[in-house]
Protein backbone atom coordinates (compact mmCIF):
# COMPACT_ATOMS: atom_id res chain seq x y z
CA UNK A 1 0.00 0.00 0.00
CA UNK A 2 1.15 3.54 -0.72
CA UNK A 3 2.82 5.59 1.98
CA UNK A 4 0.22 8.27 2.79
CA UNK A 5 2.19 9.87 5.65
CA UNK A 6 3.07 12.88 3.49
CA UNK A 7 -0.21 13.07 1.60
CA UNK A 8 -2.67 15.77 2.65
CA UNK A 9 -6.19 14.90 1.40
CA UNK A 10 -7.30 18.47 2.16
CA UNK A 11 -4.74 20.15 -0.10
CA UNK A 12 -5.13 21.08 -3.74
CA UNK A 13 -4.95 18.15 -6.14
CA UNK A 14 -1.39 17.51 -7.22
CA UNK A 15 -1.18 17.15 -11.04
CA UNK A 16 1.96 15.04 -10.61
CA UNK A 17 -0.14 12.40 -8.89
CA UNK A 18 -2.82 10.30 -10.54
CA UNK A 19 -6.55 10.96 -10.97
CA UNK A 20 -8.21 12.97 -8.16
CA UNK A 21 -4.66 13.88 -7.11
CA UNK A 22 -4.21 10.49 -5.48
CA UNK A 23 -0.67 9.11 -4.98
CA UNK A 24 -1.30 5.47 -5.91
CA UNK A 25 0.22 3.16 -8.49
CA UNK A 26 -1.89 0.67 -10.42
CA UNK A 27 -0.57 -2.20 -8.31
CA UNK A 28 -1.54 -0.41 -5.08
CA UNK A 29 -5.06 0.47 -6.21
CA UNK A 30 -8.30 -1.43 -5.73
CA UNK A 31 -10.09 0.45 -8.52
CA UNK A 32 -8.58 0.84 -11.96
CA UNK A 33 -10.13 3.35 -14.34
CA UNK A 34 -9.58 2.09 -17.86
CA UNK A 35 -9.82 4.91 -20.45
CA UNK A 36 -10.95 4.22 -24.01
CA UNK A 37 -10.54 7.41 -26.12
CA UNK A 38 -12.75 6.33 -29.02
CA UNK A 39 -15.71 7.97 -30.75
CA UNK A 40 -15.73 6.63 -34.28
CA UNK A 41 -19.45 5.85 -34.49
CA UNK A 42 -20.95 8.98 -32.92
CA UNK A 43 -23.81 10.12 -35.12
CA UNK A 44 -24.14 13.77 -34.05
CA UNK A 45 -21.46 15.70 -32.11
CA UNK A 46 -17.91 14.57 -31.47
CA UNK A 47 -15.64 15.35 -28.50
CA UNK A 48 -16.09 12.36 -26.21
CA UNK A 49 -12.80 10.73 -27.21
CA UNK A 50 -11.02 13.40 -25.19
CA UNK A 51 -13.19 12.90 -22.13
CA UNK A 52 -10.64 10.73 -20.26
CA UNK A 53 -7.88 13.35 -20.36
CA UNK A 54 -10.32 16.20 -19.68
CA UNK A 55 -11.95 14.39 -16.77
CA UNK A 56 -8.49 13.61 -15.37
CA UNK A 57 -7.65 17.32 -15.36
CA UNK A 58 -11.00 18.30 -13.82
CA UNK A 59 -10.67 15.56 -11.17
CA UNK A 60 -7.99 17.56 -9.37
CA UNK A 61 -10.81 19.88 -8.20
CA UNK A 62 -12.84 17.07 -6.59
CA UNK A 63 -12.78 16.96 -2.77
CA UNK A 64 -12.07 13.49 -1.46
CA UNK A 65 -14.74 13.26 1.25
CA UNK A 66 -17.65 11.14 0.09
CA UNK A 67 -20.32 10.48 2.70
CA UNK A 68 -21.13 7.12 1.15
CA UNK A 69 -17.59 5.94 1.90
CA UNK A 70 -15.56 8.55 3.78
CA UNK A 71 -12.12 6.97 3.38
CA UNK A 72 -12.76 4.92 0.27
CA UNK A 73 -9.96 6.72 -1.59
CA UNK A 74 -7.43 5.16 0.79
CA UNK A 75 -8.01 1.80 -0.92
CA UNK A 76 -6.58 3.30 -4.09
CA UNK A 77 -8.06 4.65 -7.32
CA UNK A 78 -5.83 4.73 -10.36
CA UNK A 79 -6.42 5.74 -13.97
CA UNK A 80 -4.29 4.38 -16.76
CA UNK A 81 -2.95 6.87 -19.28
CA UNK A 82 -5.19 7.10 -22.35
CA UNK A 83 -3.65 5.30 -25.32
CA UNK A 84 -2.42 8.03 -27.67
CA UNK A 85 -2.28 5.67 -30.64
CA UNK A 86 -5.90 4.69 -30.07
CA UNK A 87 -6.92 8.35 -29.88
CA UNK A 88 -5.05 9.07 -33.10
CA UNK A 89 -6.77 6.16 -34.82
CA UNK A 90 -10.13 7.35 -33.52
CA UNK A 91 -9.53 10.84 -34.92
CA UNK A 92 -8.62 9.41 -38.33
CA UNK A 93 -11.55 7.00 -38.48
CA UNK A 94 -13.94 9.64 -37.19
CA UNK A 95 -13.27 11.77 -40.27
CA UNK A 96 -13.90 8.74 -42.46
CA UNK A 97 -17.09 7.97 -40.54
CA UNK A 98 -18.35 11.54 -40.94
CA UNK A 99 -18.02 11.29 -44.71
CA UNK A 100 -19.70 7.89 -44.71
CA UNK A 101 -22.60 8.95 -42.45
CA UNK A 102 -23.21 12.10 -44.51
CA UNK A 103 -23.22 10.01 -47.70
CA UNK A 104 -25.79 7.46 -46.54
CA UNK A 105 -27.93 10.13 -44.80
CA UNK A 106 -28.48 11.70 -48.21
CA UNK A 107 -29.95 8.43 -49.47
CA UNK A 108 -26.95 7.31 -51.47
CA UNK A 109 -26.20 3.62 -52.04
CA UNK A 110 -22.92 2.47 -50.51
CA UNK A 111 -22.43 -0.17 -53.19
CA UNK A 112 -22.31 2.58 -55.82
CA UNK A 113 -19.23 4.18 -54.28
CA UNK A 114 -16.03 2.16 -53.88
CA UNK A 115 -14.58 4.56 -51.31
CA UNK A 116 -17.68 4.41 -49.13
CA UNK A 117 -17.90 0.62 -49.42
CA UNK A 118 -14.24 0.36 -48.38
CA UNK A 119 -14.81 2.81 -45.53
CA UNK A 120 -17.70 0.76 -44.15
CA UNK A 121 -15.59 -2.40 -44.13
CA UNK A 122 -12.72 -0.59 -42.40
CA UNK A 123 -14.94 1.02 -39.78
CA UNK A 124 -16.51 -2.31 -38.85
CA UNK A 125 -13.16 -4.12 -38.79
CA UNK A 126 -11.56 -1.51 -36.54
CA UNK A 127 -14.52 -1.60 -34.14
CA UNK A 128 -14.11 -5.38 -33.89
CA UNK A 129 -10.42 -4.92 -33.08
CA UNK A 130 -11.31 -2.37 -30.40
CA UNK A 131 -13.76 -4.75 -28.74
CA UNK A 132 -11.11 -7.47 -28.64
CA UNK A 133 -8.52 -5.11 -27.14
CA UNK A 134 -10.93 -3.84 -24.47
CA UNK A 135 -11.88 -7.41 -23.62
CA UNK A 136 -8.26 -8.50 -23.22
CA UNK A 137 -7.25 -5.49 -21.14
CA UNK A 138 -10.22 -5.59 -18.77
CA UNK A 139 -10.13 -9.38 -18.41
CA UNK A 140 -6.50 -9.12 -17.32
CA UNK A 141 -7.45 -6.56 -14.67
CA UNK A 142 -10.38 -8.66 -13.44
CA UNK A 143 -8.14 -11.73 -13.25
CA UNK A 144 -5.81 -9.73 -10.99
CA UNK A 145 -8.72 -9.04 -8.63
CA UNK A 146 -9.08 -5.38 -9.61
CA UNK A 147 -12.35 -3.47 -9.66
CA UNK A 148 -12.70 -1.80 -13.06
CA UNK A 149 -14.44 1.33 -14.27
CA UNK A 150 -14.27 1.95 -18.01
CA UNK A 151 -14.16 5.59 -19.11
CA UNK A 152 -15.13 6.39 -22.71
CA UNK A 153 -15.35 7.64 -25.32
CA UNK A 154 -18.65 6.95 -27.01
CA UNK A 155 -21.03 4.32 -25.72
CA UNK A 156 -19.76 1.62 -28.07
CA UNK A 157 -16.57 1.31 -26.01
CA UNK A 158 -17.57 -1.02 -23.13
CA UNK A 159 -18.75 -4.09 -25.06
CA UNK A 160 -15.44 -5.91 -24.60
CA UNK A 161 -15.53 -5.17 -20.88
CA UNK A 162 -19.09 -6.43 -20.65
CA UNK A 163 -17.93 -9.67 -22.28
CA UNK A 164 -15.15 -10.02 -19.71
CA UNK A 165 -17.72 -9.46 -16.95
CA UNK A 166 -19.95 -12.05 -18.60
CA UNK A 167 -17.18 -14.64 -18.31
CA UNK A 168 -16.45 -13.81 -14.67
CA UNK A 169 -20.09 -14.12 -13.56
CA UNK A 170 -22.45 -16.93 -14.53
CA UNK A 171 -25.39 -14.52 -14.44
CA UNK A 172 -25.60 -10.73 -14.28
CA UNK A 173 -27.72 -7.78 -15.26
CA UNK A 174 -27.04 -4.32 -16.65
CA UNK A 175 -28.51 -1.16 -15.19
CA UNK A 176 -28.38 1.40 -18.00
CA UNK A 177 -28.68 5.12 -17.32
CA UNK A 178 -29.27 6.64 -20.74
CA UNK A 179 -31.47 8.93 -22.79
CA UNK A 180 -31.44 6.29 -25.53
CA UNK A 181 -32.23 2.59 -25.71
CA UNK A 182 -29.13 1.72 -27.80
CA UNK A 183 -31.01 -1.32 -29.11
CA UNK A 184 -30.58 -0.63 -32.83
CA UNK A 185 -29.18 -3.44 -34.93
CA UNK A 186 -26.08 -2.21 -36.80
CA UNK A 187 -27.17 1.42 -36.78
CA UNK A 188 -26.08 3.11 -40.05
CA UNK A 189 -24.70 -0.35 -40.99
CA UNK A 190 -22.03 0.08 -38.33
CA UNK A 191 -22.19 -3.23 -36.45
CA UNK A 192 -20.70 -1.81 -33.26
CA UNK A 193 -22.30 1.61 -33.30
CA UNK A 194 -22.77 3.52 -30.06
CA UNK A 195 -26.50 3.18 -30.78
CA UNK A 196 -26.20 -0.63 -30.85
CA UNK A 197 -24.28 -1.35 -27.63
CA UNK A 198 -27.16 -2.96 -25.75
CA UNK A 199 -28.42 -4.87 -28.78
CA UNK A 200 -24.94 -6.33 -29.18
CA UNK A 201 -24.53 -7.08 -25.47
CA UNK A 202 -27.84 -8.93 -25.33
CA UNK A 203 -27.00 -10.94 -28.45
CA UNK A 204 -23.35 -11.71 -27.73
CA UNK A 205 -23.22 -12.27 -23.94
CA UNK A 206 -25.22 -15.36 -22.92
CA UNK A 207 -24.78 -14.71 -19.18
CA UNK A 208 -26.45 -11.30 -19.48
CA UNK A 209 -29.93 -12.16 -18.26
CA UNK A 210 -31.49 -8.73 -17.63
CA UNK A 211 -31.25 -5.17 -18.90
CA UNK A 212 -32.98 -2.41 -16.94
CA UNK A 213 -33.01 1.02 -18.58
CA UNK A 214 -33.68 4.28 -16.71
CA UNK A 215 -33.99 7.81 -18.10
CA UNK A 216 -34.90 6.66 -21.62
CA UNK A 217 -36.63 9.30 -23.73
CA UNK A 218 -35.39 9.01 -27.32
CA UNK A 219 -35.91 5.75 -29.23
CA UNK A 220 -37.11 4.20 -32.48
CA UNK A 221 -40.08 1.99 -33.36
CA UNK A 222 -37.81 -1.03 -33.76
CA UNK A 223 -36.27 -0.46 -30.32
CA UNK A 224 -39.69 -0.16 -28.71
CA UNK A 225 -40.77 -3.39 -30.41
CA UNK A 226 -37.57 -5.11 -29.26
CA UNK A 227 -38.39 -4.21 -25.65
CA UNK A 228 -42.00 -5.35 -25.97
CA UNK A 229 -40.95 -8.72 -27.40
CA UNK A 230 -37.99 -9.36 -25.07
CA UNK A 231 -40.05 -11.59 -22.73
CA UNK A 232 -39.02 -9.43 -19.80
CA UNK A 233 -35.28 -9.58 -20.51
CA UNK A 234 -35.39 -5.82 -21.12
CA UNK A 235 -37.34 -3.56 -18.79
CA UNK A 236 -37.36 0.14 -19.67
CA UNK A 237 -38.41 2.98 -17.37
CA UNK A 238 -39.25 5.64 -19.92
CA UNK A 239 -38.60 9.15 -18.66
CA UNK A 240 -42.10 10.34 -19.56
CA UNK A 241 -43.75 7.57 -17.55
CA UNK A 242 -41.46 8.08 -14.56
CA UNK A 243 -42.04 11.83 -14.53
CA UNK A 244 -45.82 11.39 -14.74
CA UNK A 245 -45.73 9.04 -11.77
CA UNK A 246 -43.81 11.64 -9.81
CA UNK A 247 -46.17 14.44 -10.88
CA UNK A 248 -49.13 12.36 -9.70
CA UNK A 249 -47.75 11.87 -6.21
CA UNK A 250 -45.57 8.78 -6.25
CA UNK A 251 -42.19 9.12 -4.58
CA UNK A 252 -38.78 8.45 -6.10
CA UNK A 253 -38.32 5.90 -3.33
CA UNK A 254 -41.33 3.92 -4.54
CA UNK A 255 -40.10 3.99 -8.12
CA UNK A 256 -36.51 3.10 -7.22
CA UNK A 257 -37.69 0.18 -5.08
CA UNK A 258 -39.51 -1.08 -8.17
CA UNK A 259 -36.45 -0.58 -10.40
CA UNK A 260 -34.20 -2.39 -7.93
CA UNK A 261 -36.69 -5.25 -7.80
CA UNK A 262 -36.11 -5.81 -11.51
CA UNK A 263 -32.35 -6.30 -11.04
CA UNK A 264 -30.54 -9.60 -10.41
CA UNK A 265 -27.94 -10.19 -7.70
CA UNK A 266 -24.94 -9.01 -9.74
CA UNK A 267 -25.30 -5.68 -11.52
CA UNK A 268 -23.08 -3.91 -14.04
CA UNK A 269 -23.77 -0.17 -14.42
CA UNK A 270 -23.60 1.38 -17.88
CA UNK A 271 -23.83 5.15 -17.43
CA UNK A 272 -24.26 7.29 -20.52
CA UNK A 273 -23.99 10.85 -19.22
CA UNK A 274 -26.87 11.93 -21.51
CA UNK A 275 -29.18 10.05 -19.17
CA UNK A 276 -28.88 13.15 -16.99
CA UNK A 277 -30.70 16.42 -17.54
CA UNK A 278 -28.67 18.19 -20.29
CA UNK A 279 -28.12 21.20 -18.04
CA UNK A 280 -25.53 18.90 -16.44
CA UNK A 281 -24.01 17.68 -19.72
CA UNK A 282 -24.89 20.15 -22.52
CA UNK A 283 -21.98 19.08 -24.71
CA UNK A 284 -22.64 15.34 -24.70
CA UNK A 285 -22.81 13.74 -28.14
CA UNK A 286 -26.61 13.45 -28.42
CA UNK A 287 -28.33 15.61 -25.77
CA UNK A 288 -32.06 15.19 -25.12
CA UNK A 289 -34.24 17.38 -22.93
CA UNK A 290 -35.60 15.81 -19.75
CA UNK A 291 -33.63 13.23 -17.83
CA UNK A 292 -32.33 12.63 -14.33
CA UNK A 293 -30.54 14.58 -11.64
CA UNK A 294 -27.28 13.15 -10.35
CA UNK A 295 -28.75 12.68 -6.87
CA UNK A 296 -31.63 10.67 -8.31
CA UNK A 297 -29.12 8.28 -9.85
CA UNK A 298 -27.02 8.10 -6.67
CA UNK A 299 -30.13 7.41 -4.59
CA UNK A 300 -31.08 4.58 -6.97
CA UNK A 301 -27.60 3.09 -6.67
CA UNK A 302 -27.62 3.37 -2.87
CA UNK A 303 -30.98 1.60 -2.74
CA UNK A 304 -29.59 -1.09 -5.03
CA UNK A 305 -26.63 -1.72 -2.71
CA UNK A 306 -28.84 -1.58 0.39
CA UNK A 307 -30.95 -4.38 -1.12
CA UNK A 308 -27.93 -6.68 -1.06
CA UNK A 309 -27.26 -6.52 -4.77
CA UNK A 310 -23.65 -6.20 -5.81
CA UNK A 311 -22.17 -3.63 -8.19
CA UNK A 312 -19.58 -5.58 -10.20
CA UNK A 313 -18.30 -2.91 -12.57
CA UNK A 314 -19.27 0.20 -14.47
CA UNK A 315 -18.66 2.34 -17.52
CA UNK A 316 -19.09 6.09 -17.88
CA UNK A 317 -19.45 7.40 -21.42
CA UNK A 318 -20.35 10.30 -23.71
CA UNK A 319 -18.94 13.12 -21.54
CA UNK A 320 -18.46 16.02 -23.93
CA UNK A 321 -15.82 18.71 -24.20
CA UNK A 322 -16.77 22.24 -23.15
CA UNK A 323 -14.96 25.57 -23.22
CA UNK A 324 -15.80 26.26 -19.57
CA UNK A 325 -15.03 22.65 -18.50
CA UNK A 326 -18.52 22.21 -17.02
CA UNK A 327 -19.16 18.81 -18.59
CA UNK A 328 -15.74 17.57 -17.50
CA UNK A 329 -16.33 18.68 -13.90
CA UNK A 330 -19.70 16.94 -13.76
CA UNK A 331 -18.11 13.87 -15.34
CA UNK A 332 -15.27 13.85 -12.80
CA UNK A 333 -17.66 14.01 -9.86
CA UNK A 334 -19.89 11.29 -11.28
CA UNK A 335 -16.80 9.15 -11.84
CA UNK A 336 -15.63 9.63 -8.25
CA UNK A 337 -19.04 8.69 -6.88
CA UNK A 338 -19.14 5.53 -9.01
CA UNK A 339 -15.67 4.54 -7.81
CA UNK A 340 -16.72 4.91 -4.19
CA UNK A 341 -19.96 2.97 -4.67
CA UNK A 342 -18.01 0.20 -6.42
CA UNK A 343 -15.63 0.10 -3.46
CA UNK A 344 -18.53 0.14 -0.99
CA UNK A 345 -20.21 -2.77 -2.75
CA UNK A 346 -17.02 -4.83 -2.78
CA UNK A 347 -16.06 -4.48 0.87
């Protein structure tokens, strides 16, 4: 364990230390934040690939006291350095994807354009390589007994980690905080689109037995039909329905008790920041009015842990880049809370 005798948790965050100004190595840390600077498939606004480095910088402003786990930081939280080669590849492929998405959005046929046909093949191949890399890296950390939080990037990034989780646990569920269902099959013909993450997880991870979605308010007909015909494997709490229940006198406690009741014993949290009210994340890739407050999400997670369910991992995605660093500061504080709740749930 790190020598904390000269570390003052009340001082300003030291940029020479790791995330949140903490003086831990990877080996000394219980929680490893695994950054994936990738946003190739985003279909609206870019910027999330630089979230890991921006959140790292903003994290130095986060105070270390967390009333859910006052000294949780002493168990060690460490963030790996974002892979610069991966970021460079993401930037290159993003430009290619923008041309491709613009082309098909105008009703053009990919087969009529050799460049676009080649681009589609390359984009899908590179996404497959990314999934394999994420799987290998996160599996190695899990095998070492580390708790892992994946930090994207767009919401396509955690599929490999979910697969590693699916091998570690014989049965688990995903709690998804998101404005979108992400249940589209190969959205824009991109097999591993950010809009297809949950469709792919449900189809490729046999040990994933339940998906519970909260904050959902933007979705397609096919996604709605998928939910309705999932035989209960997917349960979605649409934002409109939840808000109406609150307006008519139900409490958030009543609703969260119901949500928790849908979850299995082992729960993986997939947190797309656009599940929050966009006043908290205005520069996320695909903002949608409505959504949740951070304290509503934290209350839900506390109730989940109080029920005896176990948080086994998480991802945080789609944090945008802003000139005033507002999104990054919200992202850093959400990340710190998730780390502490992961530590709390894993004794």
